[in-house]
C-alpha atoms as a PDB file:
ATOM      1  CA  MET A   1     110.378 110.168 100.090  1.00  0.00           C
ATOM      2  CA  THR A   2     108.916 111.376  96.828  1.00  0.00           C
ATOM      3  CA  ALA A   3     105.836 109.597  95.588  1.00  0.00           C
ATOM      4  CA  LEU A   4     104.927 108.916  91.989  1.00  0.00           C
ATOM      5  CA  VAL A   5     102.619 111.640  90.659  1.00  0.00           C
ATOM      6  CA  THR A   6     101.300 110.764  87.196  1.00  0.00           C
ATOM      7  CA  ASP A   7      98.524 111.363  84.691  1.00  0.00           C
ATOM      8  CA  ASP A   8      98.994 107.760  83.450  1.00  0.00           C
ATOM      9  CA  LEU A   9      96.390 105.510  85.108  1.00  0.00           C
ATOM     10  CA  ALA A  10      98.247 102.313  84.078  1.00  0.00           C
ATOM     11  CA  ALA A  11     101.478 103.526  85.731  1.00  0.00           C
ATOM     12  CA  PHE A  12      99.477 104.483  88.823  1.00  0.00           C
ATOM     13  CA  ARG A  13      97.880 101.029  89.010  1.00  0.00           C
ATOM     14  CA  ALA A  14     101.287  99.363  88.653  1.00  0.00           C
ATOM     15  CA  ALA A  15     102.636 101.484  91.538  1.00  0.00           C
ATOM     16  CA  THR A  16      99.808 100.733  93.992  1.00  0.00           C
ATOM     17  CA  PRO A  17     100.016  97.667  96.225  1.00  0.00           C
ATOM     18  CA  PRO A  18      97.297  95.114  95.412  1.00  0.00           C
ATOM     19  CA  ARG A  19      94.284  94.661  97.718  1.00  0.00           C
ATOM     20  CA  THR A  20      94.601  98.089  99.296  1.00  0.00           C
ATOM     21  CA  PRO A  21      91.901 100.743  99.153  1.00  0.00           C
ATOM     22  CA  LEU A  22      92.359 103.880  97.084  1.00  0.00           C
ATOM     23  CA  ALA A  23      91.422 107.392  98.187  1.00  0.00           C
ATOM     24  CA  GLY A  24      89.683 109.962  96.012  1.00  0.00           C
ATOM     25  CA  LEU A  25      90.129 113.662  96.764  1.00  0.00           C
ATOM     26  CA  ASP A  26      88.023 116.627  95.720  1.00  0.00           C
ATOM     27  CA  PHE A  27      90.549 119.394  96.395  1.00  0.00           C
ATOM     28  CA  GLY A  28      89.051 122.849  96.823  1.00  0.00           C
ATOM     29  CA  ASP A  29      90.010 126.244  98.205  1.00  0.00           C
ATOM     30  CA  LYS A  30      88.143 125.731 101.497  1.00  0.00           C
ATOM     31  CA  THR A  31      87.774 121.953 101.824  1.00  0.00           C
ATOM     32  CA  ILE A  32      89.141 118.591 100.738  1.00  0.00           C
ATOM     33  CA  GLY A  33      86.445 115.993 100.155  1.00  0.00           C
ATOM     34  CA  VAL A  34      87.659 112.447 100.806  1.00  0.00           C
ATOM     35  CA  ALA A  35      86.262 109.133  99.562  1.00  0.00           C
ATOM     36  CA  ILE A  36      87.827 105.700 100.095  1.00  0.00           C
ATOM     37  CA  SER A  37      87.283 102.491  98.153  1.00  0.00           C
ATOM     38  CA  ASP A  38      86.999  98.947  99.398  1.00  0.00           C
ATOM     39  CA  VAL A  39      90.110  96.696  99.127  1.00  0.00           C
ATOM     40  CA  LEU A  40      88.782  95.162  95.896  1.00  0.00           C
ATOM     41  CA  ARG A  41      88.559  98.684  94.449  1.00  0.00           C
ATOM     42  CA  GLY A  42      84.998  98.238  93.303  1.00  0.00           C
ATOM     43  CA  ILE A  43      83.027 100.804  95.274  1.00  0.00           C
ATOM     44  CA  ALA A  44      83.940 104.344  96.355  1.00  0.00           C
ATOM     45  CA  SER A  45      82.442 105.503  99.647  1.00  0.00           C
ATOM     46  CA  PRO A  46      82.292 109.188 100.620  1.00  0.00           C
ATOM     47  CA  THR A  47      84.176 109.404 103.912  1.00  0.00           C
ATOM     48  CA  THR A  48      84.798 112.893 105.271  1.00  0.00           C
ATOM     49  CA  THR A  49      85.493 116.516 104.470  1.00  0.00           C
ATOM     50  CA  ILE A  50      88.644 118.192 105.747  1.00  0.00           C
ATOM     51  CA  ARG A  51      88.331 121.940 106.343  1.00  0.00           C
ATOM     52  CA  ARG A  52      91.437 123.557 104.885  1.00  0.00           C
ATOM     53  CA  ARG A  53      93.667 125.717 107.071  1.00  0.00           C
ATOM     54  CA  LYS A  54      97.380 125.547 106.191  1.00  0.00           C
ATOM     55  CA  PHE A  55      99.048 123.018 103.886  1.00  0.00           C
ATOM     56  CA  THR A  56     101.015 121.365 106.703  1.00  0.00           C
ATOM     57  CA  LEU A  57      97.901 120.912 108.867  1.00  0.00           C
ATOM     58  CA  ASP A  58      95.807 119.762 105.899  1.00  0.00           C
ATOM     59  CA  ALA A  59      98.462 117.245 104.804  1.00  0.00           C
ATOM     60  CA  GLU A  60      98.892 115.958 108.366  1.00  0.00           C
ATOM     61  CA  ALA A  61      95.140 115.364 108.801  1.00  0.00           C
ATOM     62  CA  LEU A  62      94.812 113.782 105.356  1.00  0.00           C
ATOM     63  CA  LEU A  63      97.838 111.484 105.657  1.00  0.00           C
ATOM     64  CA  ALA A  64      96.772 110.353 109.159  1.00  0.00           C
ATOM     65  CA  LEU A  65      93.315 109.431 107.800  1.00  0.00           C
ATOM     66  CA  LEU A  66      94.799 107.579 104.812  1.00  0.00           C
ATOM     67  CA  ALA A  67      97.316 105.697 106.967  1.00  0.00           C
ATOM     68  CA  ASN A  68      94.539 104.716 109.388  1.00  0.00           C
ATOM     69  CA  ARG A  69      92.544 103.253 106.474  1.00  0.00           C
ATOM     70  CA  GLY A  70      95.541 101.474 104.884  1.00  0.00           C
ATOM     71  CA  VAL A  71      95.182 103.387 101.613  1.00  0.00           C
ATOM     72  CA  GLY A  72      97.552 102.362  98.794  1.00  0.00           C
ATOM     73  CA  GLY A  73      97.135 105.314  96.401  1.00  0.00           C
ATOM     74  CA  ILE A  74      95.445 108.678  95.854  1.00  0.00           C
ATOM     75  CA  VAL A  75      93.224 109.819  92.967  1.00  0.00           C
ATOM     76  CA  LEU A  76      92.969 113.604  92.820  1.00  0.00           C
ATOM     77  CA  GLY A  77      90.155 115.272  90.934  1.00  0.00           C
ATOM     78  CA  LEU A  78      91.601 117.582  88.272  1.00  0.00           C
ATOM     79  CA  PRO A  79      89.239 120.525  87.640  1.00  0.00           C
ATOM     80  CA  ARG A  80      89.720 120.999  83.901  1.00  0.00           C
ATOM     81  CA  ASN A  81      87.820 123.695  82.032  1.00  0.00           C
ATOM     82  CA  MET A  82      84.857 122.506  79.967  1.00  0.00           C
ATOM     83  CA  ASP A  83      87.004 122.688  76.798  1.00  0.00           C
ATOM     84  CA  GLY A  84      89.557 120.323  78.392  1.00  0.00           C
ATOM     85  CA  SER A  85      92.215 122.975  79.009  1.00  0.00           C
ATOM     86  CA  GLU A  86      93.879 123.478  82.377  1.00  0.00           C
ATOM     87  CA  GLY A  87      93.447 126.735  84.259  1.00  0.00           C
ATOM     88  CA  PRO A  88      94.578 128.107  87.629  1.00  0.00           C
ATOM     89  CA  ARG A  89      92.539 125.550  89.628  1.00  0.00           C
ATOM     90  CA  CYS A  90      94.371 122.695  87.882  1.00  0.00           C
ATOM     91  CA  GLN A  91      97.699 124.345  88.695  1.00  0.00           C
ATOM     92  CA  LYS A  92      96.698 124.556  92.378  1.00  0.00           C
ATOM     93  CA  THR A  93      95.699 120.874  92.385  1.00  0.00           C
ATOM     94  CA  ARG A  94      98.961 119.805  90.726  1.00  0.00           C
ATOM     95  CA  ALA A  95     100.950 121.955  93.193  1.00  0.00           C
ATOM     96  CA  PHE A  96      99.097 120.311  96.106  1.00  0.00           C
ATOM     97  CA  ALA A  97      99.969 116.855  94.703  1.00  0.00           C
ATOM     98  CA  ARG A  98     103.630 117.859  94.260  1.00  0.00           C
ATOM     99  CA  ASN A  99     103.843 119.191  97.817  1.00  0.00           C
ATOM    100  CA  LEU A 100     102.031 116.151  99.242  1.00  0.00           C
ATOM    101  CA  SER A 101     104.323 113.764  97.328  1.00  0.00           C
ATOM    102  CA  ALA A 102     107.262 115.090  99.352  1.00  0.00           C
ATOM    103  CA  LEU A 103     105.547 113.858 102.550  1.00  0.00           C
ATOM    104  CA  THR A 104     104.353 110.390 101.486  1.00  0.00           C
ATOM    105  CA  ASP A 105     105.246 107.394  99.334  1.00  0.00           C
ATOM    106  CA  LEU A 106     101.623 106.942  98.203  1.00  0.00           C
ATOM    107  CA  PRO A 107     101.372 107.062  94.398  1.00  0.00           C
ATOM    108  CA  MET A 108      99.020 109.730  93.032  1.00  0.00           C
ATOM    109  CA  THR A 109      97.125 110.179  89.811  1.00  0.00           C
ATOM    110  CA  PHE A 110      94.659 112.685  88.444  1.00  0.00           C
ATOM    111  CA  TRP A 111      91.088 112.125  87.243  1.00  0.00           C
ATOM    112  CA  ASP A 112      89.110 114.598  85.158  1.00  0.00           C
ATOM    113  CA  GLU A 113      86.508 115.893  87.593  1.00  0.00           C
ATOM    114  CA  ARG A 114      84.415 117.973  85.193  1.00  0.00           C
ATOM    115  CA  LEU A 115      80.784 117.929  86.361  1.00  0.00           C
ATOM    116  CA  SER A 116      81.526 115.719  89.410  1.00  0.00           C
ATOM    117  CA  THR A 117      79.949 118.258  91.756  1.00  0.00           C
ATOM    118  CA  VAL A 118      76.870 118.456  89.512  1.00  0.00           C
ATOM    119  CA  MET A 119      76.558 114.646  89.569  1.00  0.00           C
ATOM    120  CA  ALA A 120      77.041 114.615  93.357  1.00  0.00           C
ATOM    121  CA  GLU A 121      74.369 117.295  93.808  1.00  0.00           C
ATOM    122  CA  ARG A 122      71.919 115.346  91.624  1.00  0.00           C
ATOM    123  CA  ALA A 123      72.527 112.140  93.565  1.00  0.00           C
ATOM    124  CA  MET A 124      71.884 113.910  96.866  1.00  0.00           C
ATOM    125  CA  LEU A 125      68.724 115.560  95.503  1.00  0.00           C
ATOM    126  CA  GLU A 126      67.476 112.138  94.412  1.00  0.00           C
ATOM    127  CA  ALA A 127      68.225 110.872  97.915  1.00  0.00           C
ATOM    128  CA  ASP A 128      66.045 113.748  99.186  1.00  0.00           C
ATOM    129  CA  LEU A 129      68.729 115.216 101.459  1.00  0.00           C
ATOM    130  CA  SER A 130      68.006 118.615 102.976  1.00  0.00           C
ATOM    131  CA  ARG A 131      69.868 121.660 101.696  1.00  0.00           C
ATOM    132  CA  ALA A 132      71.948 121.797 104.904  1.00  0.00           C
ATOM    133  CA  ARG A 133      72.856 118.107 104.663  1.00  0.00           C
ATOM    134  CA  ARG A 134      73.798 118.508 100.976  1.00  0.00           C
ATOM    135  CA  ALA A 135      76.062 121.477 101.766  1.00  0.00           C
ATOM    136  CA  GLU A 136      77.729 119.468 104.521  1.00  0.00           C
ATOM    137  CA  ARG A 137      78.406 116.409 102.314  1.00  0.00           C
ATOM    138  CA  ILE A 138      78.868 117.784  98.774  1.00  0.00           C
ATOM    139  CA  ASP A 139      82.682 117.647  98.765  1.00  0.00           C
ATOM    140  CA  GLN A 140      82.937 114.075 100.013  1.00  0.00           C
ATOM    141  CA  VAL A 141      80.217 112.895  97.634  1.00  0.00           C
ATOM    142  CA  ALA A 142      82.036 114.651  94.750  1.00  0.00           C
ATOM    143  CA  ALA A 143      85.222 112.828  95.876  1.00  0.00           C
ATOM    144  CA  GLY A 144      83.219 109.596  95.673  1.00  0.00           C
ATOM    145  CA  VAL A 145      82.151 110.427  92.097  1.00  0.00           C
ATOM    146  CA  ILE A 146      85.787 111.151  91.159  1.00  0.00           C
ATOM    147  CA  LEU A 147      87.072 107.954  92.761  1.00  0.00           C
ATOM    148  CA  GLN A 148      84.299 105.793  91.289  1.00  0.00           C
ATOM    149  CA  GLY A 149      85.115 107.059  87.795  1.00  0.00           C
ATOM    150  CA  ALA A 150      88.782 106.159  88.268  1.00  0.00           C
ATOM    151  CA  LEU A 151      87.919 102.740  89.757  1.00  0.00           C
ATOM    152  CA  ASP A 152      85.655 101.940  86.809  1.00  0.00           C
ATOM    153  CA  ARG A 153      88.429 102.906  84.374  1.00  0.00           C
ATOM    154  CA  LEU A 154      91.101 100.950  86.314  1.00  0.00           C
ATOM    155  CA  ARG A 155      88.936  97.833  86.107  1.00  0.00           C
ATOM    156  CA  ASN A 156      88.951  98.106  82.307  1.00  0.00           C
ATOM    157  CA  LEU A 157      92.686  98.693  81.776  1.00  0.00           C
END
Protein backbone atom coordinates (compact mmCIF):
# COMPACT_ATOMS: atom_id res chain seq x y z
CA MET A 1 0.00 0.00 0.00
CA THR A 2 2.20 2.81 -1.23
CA ALA A 3 0.46 5.91 -2.47
CA LEU A 4 1.60 8.15 -5.29
CA VAL A 5 3.61 11.08 -3.93
CA THR A 6 4.38 13.61 -6.67
CA ASP A 7 5.26 17.23 -7.40
CA ASP A 8 3.34 16.92 -10.71
CA LEU A 9 -0.18 18.34 -10.27
CA ALA A 10 -1.42 16.74 -13.53
CA ALA A 11 -0.29 13.27 -12.38
CA PHE A 12 -1.93 13.90 -9.01
CA ARG A 13 -5.22 14.89 -10.66
CA ALA A 14 -5.13 11.78 -12.85
CA ALA A 15 -4.62 9.59 -9.75
CA THR A 16 -7.51 11.05 -7.72
CA PRO A 17 -11.00 9.60 -8.09
CA PRO A 18 -13.44 12.12 -9.61
CA ARG A 19 -16.08 13.83 -7.44
CA THR A 20 -14.21 13.27 -4.20
CA PRO A 21 -13.03 16.05 -1.92
CA LEU A 22 -9.34 16.84 -1.55
CA ALA A 23 -7.58 17.61 1.73
CA GLY A 24 -5.03 20.36 2.23
CA LEU A 25 -2.46 20.05 5.01
CA ASP A 26 -0.34 22.71 6.68
CA PHE A 27 2.27 20.45 8.28
CA GLY A 28 4.16 22.01 11.17
CA ASP A 29 6.33 20.94 14.09
CA LYS A 30 3.50 21.20 16.64
CA THR A 31 0.31 20.99 14.57
CA ILE A 32 -1.20 19.84 11.29
CA GLY A 33 -3.79 22.23 9.91
CA VAL A 34 -6.44 20.48 7.82
CA ALA A 35 -8.77 21.89 5.16
CA ILE A 36 -11.15 19.88 2.97
CA SER A 37 -12.73 20.83 -0.35
CA ASP A 38 -16.22 20.18 -1.62
CA VAL A 39 -16.72 17.24 -4.05
CA LEU A 40 -16.58 19.61 -7.03
CA ARG A 41 -13.18 20.80 -5.79
CA GLY A 42 -14.12 24.44 -5.99
CA ILE A 43 -13.91 25.69 -2.42
CA ALA A 44 -11.48 24.80 0.38
CA SER A 45 -12.90 24.91 3.90
CA PRO A 46 -10.67 25.05 6.99
CA THR A 47 -11.66 22.00 9.04
CA THR A 48 -9.52 21.26 12.08
CA THR A 49 -6.08 21.36 13.63
CA ILE A 50 -4.41 18.16 14.81
CA ARG A 51 -1.98 18.61 17.71
CA ARG A 52 1.12 16.58 16.87
CA ARG A 53 2.34 13.90 19.26
CA LYS A 54 3.96 10.89 17.56
CA PHE A 55 3.86 10.06 13.85
CA THR A 56 1.73 6.94 14.34
CA LEU A 57 -0.86 8.80 16.43
CA ASP A 58 -0.84 11.80 14.07
CA ALA A 59 -1.25 9.58 11.00
CA GLU A 60 -4.03 7.58 12.66
CA ALA A 61 -6.01 10.72 13.56
CA LEU A 62 -5.45 12.27 10.14
CA LEU A 63 -6.34 9.16 8.12
CA ALA A 64 -9.48 8.55 10.22
CA LEU A 65 -10.63 12.14 9.53
CA LEU A 66 -9.90 11.83 5.80
CA ALA A 67 -11.65 8.46 5.52
CA ASN A 68 -14.68 9.86 7.38
CA ARG A 69 -14.89 12.71 4.84
CA GLY A 70 -14.35 10.47 1.78
CA VAL A 71 -11.23 12.36 0.71
CA GLY A 72 -9.66 11.27 -2.60
CA GLY A 73 -6.24 12.96 -2.36
CA ILE A 74 -3.95 15.08 -0.19
CA VAL A 75 -2.26 18.41 -0.99
CA LEU A 76 0.63 19.12 1.37
CA GLY A 77 1.96 22.62 1.78
CA LEU A 78 5.68 22.67 0.94
CA PRO A 79 7.46 25.39 2.96
CA ARG A 80 10.03 26.56 0.42
CA ASN A 81 12.46 29.34 1.26
CA MET A 82 11.67 32.75 -0.24
CA ASP A 83 14.27 32.14 -2.98
CA GLY A 84 12.47 28.91 -3.98
CA SER A 85 15.07 26.55 -2.53
CA GLU A 86 14.19 23.70 -0.19
CA GLY A 87 15.50 23.67 3.36
CA PRO A 88 15.10 21.40 6.40
CA ARG A 89 11.35 22.13 6.75
CA CYS A 90 10.75 20.89 3.20
CA GLN A 91 12.71 17.73 3.98
CA LYS A 92 10.52 17.13 7.05
CA THR A 93 7.36 17.62 4.97
CA ARG A 94 8.56 15.25 2.25
CA ALA A 95 9.54 12.66 4.90
CA PHE A 96 6.06 12.95 6.45
CA ALA A 97 4.48 12.37 3.01
CA ARG A 98 6.75 9.35 2.38
CA ASN A 99 5.90 7.83 5.76
CA LEU A 100 2.17 8.55 5.33
CA SER A 101 2.18 7.01 1.83
CA ALA A 102 3.10 3.66 3.39
CA LEU A 103 -0.18 3.75 5.38
CA THR A 104 -2.66 4.89 2.71
CA ASP A 105 -3.47 4.65 -0.99
CA LEU A 106 -4.44 8.34 -1.17
CA PRO A 107 -2.35 10.16 -3.80
CA MET A 108 -0.38 13.14 -2.49
CA THR A 109 1.08 16.24 -4.06
CA PHE A 110 2.89 19.30 -2.83
CA TRP A 111 1.90 22.97 -3.14
CA ASP A 112 4.25 25.89 -2.58
CA GLU A 113 3.01 27.37 0.68
CA ARG A 114 5.20 30.48 0.80
CA LEU A 115 3.28 33.27 2.55
CA SER A 116 0.18 31.10 3.18
CA THR A 117 0.30 31.83 6.91
CA VAL A 118 0.62 35.56 6.19
CA MET A 119 -2.43 35.41 3.89
CA ALA A 120 -4.36 33.39 6.50
CA GLU A 121 -3.47 35.91 9.22
CA ARG A 122 -4.61 38.82 7.02
CA ALA A 123 -7.91 37.12 6.24
CA MET A 124 -8.58 36.52 9.94
CA LEU A 125 -7.66 40.12 10.81
CA GLU A 126 -10.11 41.33 8.16
CA ALA A 127 -12.73 39.06 9.71
CA ASP A 128 -11.97 40.82 13.03
CA LEU A 129 -11.17 37.61 14.92
CA SER A 130 -9.65 38.00 18.37
CA ARG A 131 -5.99 37.19 18.90
CA ALA A 132 -6.92 33.99 20.78
CA ARG A 133 -9.30 32.87 18.03
CA ARG A 134 -6.66 33.59 15.36
CA ALA A 135 -4.04 31.54 17.24
CA GLU A 136 -6.51 28.67 17.54
CA ARG A 137 -7.41 28.64 13.81
CA ILE A 138 -4.27 29.84 11.99
CA ASP A 139 -3.06 26.39 10.92
CA GLN A 140 -6.38 25.25 9.49
CA VAL A 141 -6.92 28.56 7.71
CA ALA A 142 -3.38 28.31 6.26
CA ALA A 143 -4.29 24.76 5.10
CA GLY A 144 -7.34 26.31 3.41
CA VAL A 145 -5.12 28.84 1.61
CA ILE A 146 -2.81 26.03 0.45
CA LEU A 147 -5.68 23.85 -0.74
CA GLN A 148 -7.48 26.73 -2.48
CA GLY A 149 -4.33 27.58 -4.43
CA ALA A 150 -4.01 23.98 -5.60
CA LEU A 151 -7.74 23.76 -6.46
CA ASP A 152 -7.51 26.94 -8.53
CA ARG A 153 -4.49 25.55 -10.41
CA LEU A 154 -6.13 22.12 -10.93
CA ARG A 155 -9.14 23.82 -12.50
CA ASN A 156 -6.85 25.42 -15.10
CA LEU A 157 -4.84 22.33 -16.07
